[in-house]
Each structure stands twice: as structure tokens, then as C-alpha cells.
Amino acid sequence: MPLWAQLESALKRRLDAGEFDNRFPTDSELVAEYAVSRHTVRESIRHLNRRGILRRERGRGTVVNHSEFVQPLGALYSLFESIESSGVAQRSKVLALEERNDETIAGQLGLPADAPLLYLERIRYAGDEALALDRAWLPMAVAGPIITSNFDRTALYDELERCCSVRPDAGWERIAPVNPQPAERTLLEMRRGEAAFFLERLSTAKGRPIEWRTTTIRGDRYHFISKFEVGVAPPLAASAKT
């Protein structure tokens, strides 16, 4: 690893331990502490800034970025609304918006194997930071009109309601830890060894499956929280196999 990357890893470990929550060192202090050049310090800080872990503020220098997103479980939520409600602008980079056929996905949606599907793939950003790689499949018979929609700053469910007069009202979601593939790490601006969440979601509207979605979301910026109360929990429904 180049020297700046070694310093970045060392600083990331200390940041994860909460060592710099009150104050982050100046460039001069890091130069003295690690016996490296100012260029090496600035390069490592630049990468931490790009990853959204640190940010530069006028008059304060480098500070720790505590912008993390928390999503309660047990509710049908929109990633767009989760980010925007935290006071951070959400945007997307659309990688694909097209008609496709996929026998496995069609089965998840209860459709014939050759049923046409609308496929939407996006990188989701919180501010300038890549947060999630999102892939959604919907029946063309339901979602066909949104194939011409602009999803740079638009929520999928809002477009479904606006263009197709339908909106998911129920569903299930499965969440598991994952080490992203190299191509996904590049898109999400993650380093090797950093973990993510992998989400699978089946959404329905009035009992009809209308969306199958998979999302790879950075584990260092997004957290899930569950609430529970005293009482008897209902049985857990069996999830579909993929």
C-alpha cells in the first residue's frame, strides 16, 4: 500500500474507535505524529473526505462527519425519503433503465418466465457520497410508463404513483452482511474489506407483487434499528428463496 493509504487506514481505525469525536488533528500535527510529508497527510485526508468520513469546514479545518442514516425496521420505507429527512440531499446516477426478461425474477413476482420486466439500476448518493447500489425489477404491465422517467432526483414509489396510479403498501425485506464484489466496491467508493448490507425486498400493492429489489448499501453510513414491546410476537413468515 502507498504511504498515504497506510495513513488513511490508520486514521480510519482511530476514527472507528471514536478517538477523534471531539477534535480531529491538524495536518501539521499528523505530519509530526506519523513522520510523513504534508503531501501524504493531505492525500489521506482527501480520500477520507471523499468517502464522507471527514469534511473540511471553513474556519474549523478538518472535522469528523457524523452524517449517518438510521432506518427503523418493520416499515415499508423509501431510501430517498430516509436520506432527505436527515437533511441531506439525495441524488442518483442511473446505470440502466430498460425492459428485460429474467426467469428467476419473474418467478419472484409470480409472473410467467418470459414476462417483460422493467429494470432500474442506480447508484444512490447522499450528498456527494455514494451510499447504495440499487437494482429494481417491476412488471412492465404495471410500471411501463416510468421507463421514460428521470430518476436523478426522483423516488421510484413517487413515480409509480404519479405515472401508474399504484404504490406499494406491504412486503417483506431480508437483510444480510456481505463483502461487495470488486466492481460494486468501485461503484460505492469502498475499500477492500469494508462490509455492506445486502437487502432483498418484495413489495406488493393490494396483495399483488409489483417490485423485486436488491440493494447493496454501505455499512459504515447506514444503520437499521428495530423497536419492540412486551407482548407475544407473531410467527415469522417464510421468505422466498432466490
Foldseek 3Di string as FASTA:
>chain_A
DDLLVVVLVVVVVCVVVVVAQPHDDDLVVCCVVVVDDSVSSVVSVVLCVQQVQWHQDPPRGIHGRPQFFEAEPDADDFPCCSLVVSVWAKFKDWPDWDKDFAQVVCVVQVHHRGFIKTWTWIQMDGHSAGWKTKIKIFGCVQVVVCSPPDRGRDTPQVCSCVPRVFGFDDWDKDKDKDQDDPVVCVSRVHDHPFIWIWMWIFTDTPPGTTMTMIMTGGPVRYYYDYDDDPDDDDDDDDDDDD
